[in-house]
Protein backbone atom coordinates (compact mmCIF):
# COMPACT_ATOMS: atom_id res chain seq x y z
CA MET A 1 16.21 -24.12 14.39
CA ASP A 2 16.29 -23.85 18.33
CA ILE A 3 13.49 -26.00 19.78
CA ASP A 4 14.58 -25.34 22.96
CA PHE A 5 12.53 -22.02 23.16
CA LEU A 6 9.65 -24.40 23.47
CA GLY A 7 10.49 -25.64 26.78
CA VAL A 8 10.75 -28.93 28.85
CA GLY A 9 8.86 -29.29 32.46
CA TRP A 10 6.43 -31.04 34.32
CA SER A 11 3.40 -32.50 32.75
CA SER A 12 0.00 -30.62 33.49
CA PRO A 13 -1.62 -32.24 35.66
CA VAL A 14 1.24 -33.65 37.20
CA GLU A 15 1.77 -37.26 36.46
CA LEU A 16 4.53 -39.89 37.16
CA ASP A 17 6.12 -42.05 34.50
CA ASN A 18 6.71 -45.88 34.73
CA LYS A 19 9.67 -45.32 36.58
CA ASN A 20 7.56 -43.51 39.70
CA GLN A 21 9.29 -40.42 38.23
CA ILE A 22 7.41 -36.77 37.50
CA LEU A 23 6.55 -37.13 33.64
CA MET A 24 8.40 -34.63 31.57
CA VAL A 25 6.70 -32.77 28.52
CA GLN A 26 8.55 -30.88 26.10
CA TYR A 27 8.32 -28.41 22.80
CA GLU A 28 4.95 -28.77 21.15
CA ASP A 29 3.37 -30.83 23.92
CA LYS A 30 4.07 -28.30 26.73
CA VAL A 31 2.92 -25.28 24.44
CA ARG A 32 -0.17 -27.31 23.81
CA GLN A 33 -0.59 -27.81 27.96
CA SER A 34 0.53 -24.33 28.45
CA ILE A 35 -2.57 -23.24 26.02
CA TRP A 36 -5.10 -25.40 28.04
CA ASN A 37 -4.02 -24.09 31.16
CA ILE A 38 -4.57 -20.60 29.92
CA LEU A 39 -8.06 -21.21 28.80
CA SER A 40 -8.61 -23.52 31.83
CA THR A 41 -7.78 -20.56 34.37
CA ALA A 42 -10.33 -17.77 35.19
CA LYS A 43 -9.25 -14.50 35.58
CA GLY A 44 -8.34 -13.63 39.27
CA GLU A 45 -8.33 -17.42 40.09
CA ARG A 46 -4.20 -17.22 40.83
CA VAL A 47 -3.87 -15.12 44.18
CA MET A 48 -0.30 -14.17 43.10
CA ARG A 49 -0.88 -13.59 39.24
CA PRO A 50 -4.96 -12.69 39.14
CA ASP A 51 -4.64 -11.36 35.50
CA PHE A 52 -3.61 -14.55 34.41
CA GLY A 53 -6.18 -16.71 32.37
CA CYS A 54 -8.98 -16.36 29.90
CA GLY A 55 -11.91 -14.21 30.50
CA ILE A 56 -14.68 -16.93 28.90
CA TYR A 57 -15.51 -17.53 32.34
CA ASP A 58 -17.32 -14.45 32.40
CA HIS A 59 -20.04 -16.24 29.79
CA VAL A 60 -20.87 -19.55 32.03
CA PHE A 61 -24.50 -18.31 32.68
CA ALA A 62 -24.60 -16.33 29.18
CA PRO A 63 -26.84 -17.29 26.55
CA ASN A 64 -25.45 -19.46 23.56
CA SER A 65 -25.80 -17.05 20.98
CA SER A 66 -23.96 -15.45 18.47
CA GLY A 67 -22.86 -12.53 20.11
CA THR A 68 -21.86 -15.06 22.98
CA ASN A 69 -19.60 -16.90 20.80
CA GLY A 70 -18.15 -13.71 18.97
CA GLN A 71 -17.12 -12.66 22.53
CA ILE A 72 -15.62 -15.99 23.57
CA MET A 73 -13.95 -16.15 20.65
CA SER A 74 -12.00 -12.51 21.35
CA ASP A 75 -11.52 -13.63 24.93
CA VAL A 76 -9.37 -16.65 23.80
CA ARG A 77 -7.52 -14.74 20.71
CA ASP A 78 -6.67 -11.89 23.50
CA ALA A 79 -5.58 -14.34 26.57
CA LEU A 80 -3.47 -16.12 23.78
CA LEU A 81 -1.69 -13.46 22.63
CA LEU A 82 -0.96 -12.02 26.10
CA TRP A 83 0.07 -15.35 27.91
CA GLU A 84 1.55 -17.67 25.06
CA PRO A 85 4.45 -16.02 23.14
CA ARG A 86 5.58 -19.16 21.24
CA ILE A 87 2.65 -19.01 19.08
CA ASP A 88 0.70 -17.41 16.56
CA VAL A 89 -2.86 -17.85 16.46
CA LEU A 90 -4.27 -18.20 13.14
CA ASP A 91 -7.74 -18.88 13.72
CA VAL A 92 -10.43 -19.11 16.56
CA GLU A 93 -13.85 -20.58 16.27
CA VAL A 94 -16.75 -21.34 18.64
CA ILE A 95 -18.93 -23.95 17.38
CA SER A 96 -22.53 -24.95 18.98
CA THR A 97 -24.14 -28.09 18.33
CA PRO A 98 -28.04 -28.37 18.63
CA SER A 99 -28.05 -31.54 20.48
CA GLN A 100 -25.93 -30.27 23.15
CA PRO A 101 -26.66 -26.31 23.49
CA ASN A 102 -24.73 -25.92 26.69
CA LEU A 103 -21.69 -27.17 25.30
CA LEU A 104 -19.03 -25.03 23.17
CA GLN A 105 -16.33 -26.41 21.31
CA ILE A 106 -13.64 -23.77 20.66
CA GLN A 107 -11.28 -24.62 18.30
CA ILE A 108 -7.99 -23.02 18.00
CA ASN A 109 -5.69 -23.26 15.14
CA TYR A 110 -2.28 -22.22 16.04
CA GLN A 111 1.51 -22.01 14.63
CA ILE A 112 4.53 -22.35 16.61
CA ARG A 113 6.76 -19.53 15.59
CA THR A 114 10.22 -21.35 16.06
CA THR A 115 9.22 -24.61 14.08
CA ASN A 116 6.27 -23.23 11.80
CA ASN A 117 4.33 -26.21 12.49
CA ILE A 118 0.56 -25.64 12.68
CA PHE A 119 -1.68 -27.51 15.39
CA ASN A 120 -5.25 -27.67 16.05
CA LEU A 121 -6.88 -27.69 19.63
CA VAL A 122 -10.81 -28.05 20.58
CA TYR A 123 -11.41 -27.20 24.10
CA PRO A 124 -14.67 -27.83 25.34
CA PHE A 125 -16.60 -25.03 27.17
CA TYR A 126 -19.93 -25.46 29.12
CA LEU A 127 -22.50 -22.80 29.36
CA GLN A 128 -24.86 -23.27 32.46
């Protein structure tokens, strides 16, 4: 099994370690940070790569409804399929709680292709 395919690189956000060197992350942690970066970037935000990112930010002013949740699930799945080839998206679920009507928890279950390890990431998304 070749886990070098998963990558090694700077942490995101960039941090320093205890030796004042740029903190490096690798393998599954690098993939997790990549997923977070994809979800945190609105399409059109990157000047040299305007198609990069996720379309969830088109829904910031949408009502908290099942229709909005379904569109967000679709946007997340599409963005991860396009921009993160190291994973298989197993499930995307959008969870809202009545006590915080403007907060959606986007739960992503994914499998690393080279190791078959399964992970879960919960991304908070706020409606205005």
